[in-house]
Amino acid sequence: MAVSLRSRFWYTVLRKAFKNQKLSITERRASGAKNSGLLGRVPKTIKVEKIDIDGTQAEWVIPLGASHEKVILYLHGGGYVTGSIETYRMLSGLLASHICVKVLLLEYRLAPENPFPAALDDSLKVYRWLSEQGYSSTNIIICGDSAGGGLSVATVLALKDKNEPLPTAVVCISPWVDLTLKNETHITKAESEAMLSKDVLRDWALAYTDESNLTNPLVSPIHADFQGFPPLLIQVGSNEILLDDSILLAEKAKAAGVDVTLEVWP
C-alpha cells in the first residue's frame, strides 16, 4: 500500500511538472532544478565531492564504507537537453548507498548548445580518465536512465569500435535508444506515461542531432551491432512510452549473444 501511494504521488508530481505543460528547453531546465528539492537531501552517510575532469564537471557520491576499487559511472537522463548533477544527486546517493559502491555523476554537455557528439565525447573522456586513475574496466559499471541509458550504451559501443577495454556491465533504466521514435509504445502508452510525449521527444532528438543522423548507432543504439557487448541489465516501467525501446534493445542484444536481463516493472 505504501509503495502504491508513493508511486501515485510521484506520478502526479511528475505529470504536473512536465507532461501537461508545453515548456521550452530553458523552462524545463528551470522546472527540473526547482523540483529537485522535492527529492530530499543526500543522507549524511554519503560524502559528495565536486571534481573537474579536464573541463568537465563531475561529482563523487561516496557512501560510508564504499569500496575504493569499484565505481559506477552514472549518466543522467533528460533527453540530452536537460538534467544535471543537481537534479540527480539524490538518485545517485540512493544507488551508491544501496550497493555500497561510489558513483561518479557526470555533468556532460547538453544540446542544443552542444549537439552530438558532445555528450558522447564527455562520457568517453571521463571513462578513460577513470582508467588513468587506476580503475580496472572490470570494476567499472556504466549506468544511466532515459537519454543517459542510451548514452551509456553508445559509450560502450564507441569503446568497442576502438577495441578499448569495456566496463564489466551496463545498466539502463528506461533507456532512450531509438531517436527515430518509430516504436508502437509512443502511441499505445501515451496516456499512461507520466513525463514524456512523442512530440517533446521529437523536439529533443532534433536538438541533439540532424534528422539524417538519427539512425547513427551512436545516436540510436538500437541500430548497432552488439557482438562482444558486456552484460546488460535493463529496467523499465510497463506504462512508459519508452517500453518498446527497452524490449527491442534487449532482443537485439540477446540475439547477438549478450547476457541480457530485462525487468519490466508495473
Protein backbone atom coordinates (compact mmCIF):
# COMPACT_ATOMS: atom_id res chain seq x y z
CA MET A 1 0.00 0.00 0.00
CA ALA A 2 2.76 2.45 0.97
CA VAL A 3 4.63 1.77 -2.26
CA SER A 4 1.44 2.20 -4.28
CA LEU A 5 0.61 5.53 -2.62
CA ARG A 6 4.16 6.79 -3.02
CA SER A 7 4.18 5.81 -6.69
CA ARG A 8 0.90 7.60 -7.26
CA PHE A 9 2.22 10.71 -5.54
CA TRP A 10 5.32 10.90 -7.72
CA TYR A 11 3.29 10.13 -10.83
CA THR A 12 1.09 13.15 -10.04
CA VAL A 13 4.06 15.41 -9.27
CA LEU A 14 5.91 14.48 -12.45
CA ARG A 15 2.86 14.75 -14.65
CA LYS A 16 2.02 18.19 -13.29
CA ALA A 17 5.61 19.41 -13.52
CA PHE A 18 6.42 18.16 -17.01
CA LYS A 19 3.94 16.34 -19.22
CA ASN A 20 0.97 18.69 -19.08
CA GLN A 21 2.99 21.80 -19.79
CA LYS A 22 4.31 22.97 -23.14
CA LEU A 23 7.69 24.16 -21.96
CA SER A 24 10.75 25.31 -23.82
CA ILE A 25 14.06 23.61 -23.09
CA THR A 26 15.09 26.58 -20.94
CA GLU A 27 11.83 26.39 -18.99
CA ARG A 28 12.18 22.63 -18.49
CA ARG A 29 15.69 23.08 -17.14
CA ALA A 30 14.43 25.68 -14.68
CA SER A 31 11.47 23.49 -13.68
CA GLY A 32 13.72 20.48 -13.14
CA ALA A 33 16.06 22.50 -10.92
CA LYS A 34 13.10 23.88 -8.96
CA ASN A 35 11.53 20.45 -8.40
CA SER A 36 14.81 18.74 -7.49
CA GLY A 37 14.24 19.82 -3.91
CA LEU A 38 11.23 17.51 -3.72
CA LEU A 39 13.58 14.52 -3.82
CA GLY A 40 15.10 15.39 -0.45
CA ARG A 41 18.70 15.63 0.66
CA VAL A 42 21.51 13.14 0.29
CA PRO A 43 21.88 11.19 3.57
CA LYS A 44 24.67 12.24 5.94
CA THR A 45 26.28 8.85 5.38
CA ILE A 46 27.04 9.97 1.81
CA LYS A 47 30.05 12.16 1.06
CA VAL A 48 29.81 14.40 -2.01
CA GLU A 49 32.97 15.71 -3.69
CA LYS A 50 32.96 18.01 -6.70
CA ILE A 51 35.63 17.38 -9.32
CA ASP A 52 36.79 18.93 -12.58
CA ILE A 53 37.92 16.40 -15.21
CA ASP A 54 39.73 18.35 -17.91
CA GLY A 55 36.95 20.95 -18.07
CA THR A 56 34.06 18.54 -17.48
CA GLN A 57 32.27 18.87 -14.14
CA ALA A 58 31.52 15.74 -12.16
CA GLU A 59 30.75 14.72 -8.62
CA TRP A 60 31.83 11.80 -6.49
CA VAL A 61 28.95 10.38 -4.47
CA ILE A 62 30.60 8.14 -1.87
CA PRO A 63 28.72 6.07 0.73
CA LEU A 64 30.27 5.21 4.07
CA GLY A 65 32.40 2.06 3.73
CA ALA A 66 32.41 2.08 -0.08
CA SER A 67 34.96 0.02 -2.00
CA HIS A 68 37.93 2.01 -3.25
CA GLU A 69 38.27 -0.22 -6.30
CA LYS A 70 34.77 -0.27 -7.77
CA VAL A 71 32.85 2.60 -9.35
CA ILE A 72 29.62 3.32 -11.18
CA LEU A 73 29.80 5.99 -13.87
CA TYR A 74 26.30 7.48 -13.91
CA LEU A 75 24.96 9.31 -16.98
CA HIS A 76 21.79 11.23 -16.16
CA GLY A 77 18.63 11.45 -18.23
CA GLY A 78 16.89 14.49 -19.64
CA GLY A 79 16.61 13.94 -23.39
CA TYR A 80 20.16 15.21 -23.99
CA VAL A 81 18.83 18.75 -23.34
CA THR A 82 18.05 18.81 -19.60
CA GLY A 83 19.23 17.16 -16.40
CA SER A 84 22.20 17.96 -14.19
CA ILE A 85 24.26 16.87 -11.22
CA GLU A 86 21.91 18.88 -9.01
CA THR A 87 18.80 17.02 -10.15
CA TYR A 88 20.42 13.56 -10.00
CA ARG A 89 22.47 13.79 -6.81
CA MET A 90 19.74 12.19 -4.66
CA LEU A 91 19.17 9.28 -7.06
CA SER A 92 22.93 8.69 -7.26
CA GLY A 93 23.12 8.77 -3.47
CA LEU A 94 20.42 6.13 -3.15
CA LEU A 95 22.13 3.95 -5.74
CA ALA A 96 25.51 4.32 -4.05
CA SER A 97 24.21 3.60 -0.56
CA HIS A 98 22.16 0.54 -1.54
CA ILE A 99 25.12 -1.30 -3.06
CA CYS A 100 27.91 0.46 -1.13
CA VAL A 101 29.79 1.50 -4.27
CA LYS A 102 30.84 5.04 -5.08
CA VAL A 103 29.20 6.77 -8.02
CA LEU A 104 30.78 9.29 -10.36
CA LEU A 105 27.97 11.56 -11.56
CA LEU A 106 28.82 13.33 -14.79
CA GLU A 107 27.71 16.78 -15.98
CA TYR A 108 28.01 16.11 -19.70
CA ARG A 109 27.35 18.92 -22.17
CA LEU A 110 23.76 19.43 -23.27
CA ALA A 111 22.11 20.19 -26.61
CA PRO A 112 21.15 22.34 -28.43
CA GLU A 113 24.16 24.40 -27.32
CA ASN A 114 26.36 21.31 -27.59
CA PRO A 115 24.83 18.79 -30.02
CA PHE A 116 26.03 15.27 -30.81
CA PRO A 117 28.73 14.08 -30.25
CA ALA A 118 29.48 16.41 -27.30
CA ALA A 119 27.74 14.26 -24.66
CA LEU A 120 29.37 11.10 -26.01
CA ASP A 121 32.79 12.75 -26.11
CA ASP A 122 32.41 13.80 -22.46
CA SER A 123 31.35 10.32 -21.40
CA LEU A 124 34.26 8.69 -23.21
CA LYS A 125 36.71 11.19 -21.73
CA VAL A 126 35.58 10.52 -18.19
CA TYR A 127 35.56 6.73 -18.66
CA ARG A 128 39.15 6.91 -19.95
CA TRP A 129 40.05 9.21 -17.04
CA LEU A 130 38.83 6.55 -14.63
CA SER A 131 41.23 4.11 -16.27
CA GLU A 132 44.05 6.65 -15.88
CA GLN A 133 43.20 6.90 -12.18
CA GLY A 134 43.81 3.16 -11.80
CA TYR A 135 40.29 1.78 -12.04
CA SER A 136 40.20 -1.51 -13.90
CA SER A 137 37.49 -1.81 -16.56
CA THR A 138 36.39 -4.97 -14.73
CA ASN A 139 35.49 -2.76 -11.76
CA ILE A 140 33.52 -0.14 -13.69
CA ILE A 141 29.80 -0.22 -14.40
CA ILE A 142 28.21 2.39 -16.66
CA CYS A 143 24.66 3.23 -15.69
CA GLY A 144 22.10 5.72 -16.98
CA ASP A 145 18.42 6.47 -17.36
CA SER A 146 16.42 7.63 -20.40
CA ALA A 147 18.83 9.56 -22.64
CA GLY A 148 21.55 8.64 -20.16
CA GLY A 149 20.68 5.00 -20.75
CA GLY A 150 21.08 5.46 -24.48
CA LEU A 151 24.31 7.34 -23.88
CA SER A 152 25.58 4.51 -21.67
CA VAL A 153 25.05 2.03 -24.50
CA ALA A 154 26.54 4.41 -27.07
CA THR A 155 29.62 4.93 -24.90
CA VAL A 156 30.31 1.21 -24.75
CA LEU A 157 29.68 0.83 -28.49
CA ALA A 158 32.21 3.59 -29.19
CA LEU A 159 34.76 1.90 -26.91
CA LYS A 160 34.11 -1.43 -28.61
CA ASP A 161 34.61 0.11 -32.05
CA LYS A 162 38.06 1.30 -30.93
CA ASN A 163 38.95 -2.02 -29.28
CA GLU A 164 39.29 -0.35 -25.87
CA PRO A 165 38.61 -2.15 -22.57
CA LEU A 166 34.89 -2.36 -21.86
CA PRO A 167 33.15 -1.91 -18.50
CA THR A 168 32.14 -5.04 -16.65
CA ALA A 169 28.43 -4.30 -17.19
CA VAL A 170 25.91 -1.71 -18.37
CA VAL A 171 22.70 -0.78 -16.54
CA CYS A 172 19.93 1.03 -18.42
CA ILE A 173 16.86 2.47 -16.74
CA SER A 174 14.11 3.24 -19.28
CA PRO A 175 16.73 3.80 -21.99
CA TRP A 176 16.03 6.04 -24.99
CA VAL A 177 17.82 4.09 -27.71
CA ASP A 178 15.77 4.88 -30.82
CA LEU A 179 15.54 8.60 -31.57
CA THR A 180 13.54 7.94 -34.75
CA LEU A 181 10.53 7.41 -32.42
CA LYS A 182 9.02 4.66 -34.57
CA ASN A 183 8.15 2.25 -31.78
CA GLU A 184 4.48 1.48 -31.06
CA THR A 185 4.50 2.33 -27.35
CA HIS A 186 4.99 6.01 -28.22
CA ILE A 187 1.33 5.75 -29.19
CA THR A 188 -0.10 2.90 -27.12
CA LYS A 189 1.36 4.19 -23.83
CA ALA A 190 0.82 7.89 -24.49
CA GLU A 191 -1.96 8.25 -21.93
CA SER A 192 -0.33 6.24 -19.15
CA GLU A 193 3.12 7.83 -19.50
CA ALA A 194 3.96 10.13 -16.56
CA MET A 195 6.52 12.52 -18.03
CA LEU A 196 7.15 12.29 -21.74
CA SER A 197 5.35 12.69 -25.05
CA LYS A 198 6.36 11.81 -28.58
CA ASP A 199 6.21 15.46 -29.66
CA VAL A 200 8.56 16.54 -26.90
CA LEU A 201 10.98 13.71 -27.64
CA ARG A 202 10.92 14.67 -31.30
CA ASP A 203 11.96 18.22 -30.43
CA TRP A 204 14.73 16.94 -28.19
CA ALA A 205 16.02 14.47 -30.78
CA LEU A 206 16.32 17.23 -33.37
CA ALA A 207 18.02 19.48 -30.82
CA TYR A 208 20.57 16.72 -30.27
CA THR A 209 21.34 15.94 -33.92
CA ASP A 210 20.19 16.33 -37.52
CA GLU A 211 17.32 14.18 -38.75
CA SER A 212 19.67 12.50 -41.25
CA ASN A 213 21.80 11.28 -38.32
CA LEU A 214 19.03 9.77 -36.17
CA THR A 215 19.82 6.21 -37.28
CA ASN A 216 23.51 6.55 -36.41
CA PRO A 217 24.16 3.67 -33.93
CA LEU A 218 25.91 6.12 -31.59
CA VAL A 219 22.73 8.23 -31.55
CA SER A 220 20.16 5.42 -31.72
CA PRO A 221 21.99 2.33 -30.40
CA ILE A 222 19.10 0.09 -31.42
CA HIS A 223 20.76 0.09 -34.86
CA ALA A 224 24.12 -1.14 -33.54
CA ASP A 225 26.00 -4.44 -33.73
CA PHE A 226 26.08 -5.86 -30.20
CA GLN A 227 28.59 -8.64 -30.75
CA GLY A 228 31.02 -8.62 -27.81
CA PHE A 229 28.92 -6.23 -25.69
CA PRO A 230 29.21 -6.68 -21.88
CA PRO A 231 26.34 -7.95 -19.69
CA LEU A 232 23.33 -5.66 -19.86
CA LEU A 233 20.61 -5.01 -17.26
CA ILE A 234 17.55 -3.10 -18.49
CA GLN A 235 14.76 -1.88 -16.21
CA VAL A 236 11.61 -0.14 -17.45
CA GLY A 237 8.03 0.58 -16.36
CA SER A 238 5.12 -1.13 -18.07
CA ASN A 239 3.33 2.19 -18.74
CA GLU A 240 6.21 4.10 -20.33
CA ILE A 241 6.36 5.24 -23.94
CA LEU A 242 9.99 4.03 -23.92
CA LEU A 243 8.89 0.46 -23.12
CA ASP A 244 9.49 -0.74 -26.68
CA ASP A 245 12.97 0.84 -26.69
CA SER A 246 13.86 -1.41 -23.76
CA ILE A 247 12.26 -4.54 -25.20
CA LEU A 248 13.84 -4.14 -28.64
CA LEU A 249 17.24 -3.33 -27.13
CA ALA A 250 17.07 -6.50 -25.06
CA GLU A 251 16.01 -8.60 -28.05
CA LYS A 252 18.73 -7.26 -30.33
CA ALA A 253 21.48 -7.61 -27.74
CA LYS A 254 20.36 -11.13 -26.78
CA ALA A 255 20.32 -12.17 -30.44
CA ALA A 256 23.98 -11.12 -30.60
CA GLY A 257 24.85 -13.36 -27.67
CA VAL A 258 24.88 -10.71 -24.95
CA ASP A 259 23.98 -11.68 -21.38
CA VAL A 260 20.80 -9.60 -21.03
CA THR A 261 18.38 -9.18 -18.14
CA LEU A 262 15.17 -7.27 -18.90
CA GLU A 263 12.93 -6.30 -15.97
CA VAL A 264 9.56 -4.71 -16.77
CA TRP A 265 8.09 -3.23 -13.60
CA PRO A 266 4.39 -2.44 -13.11
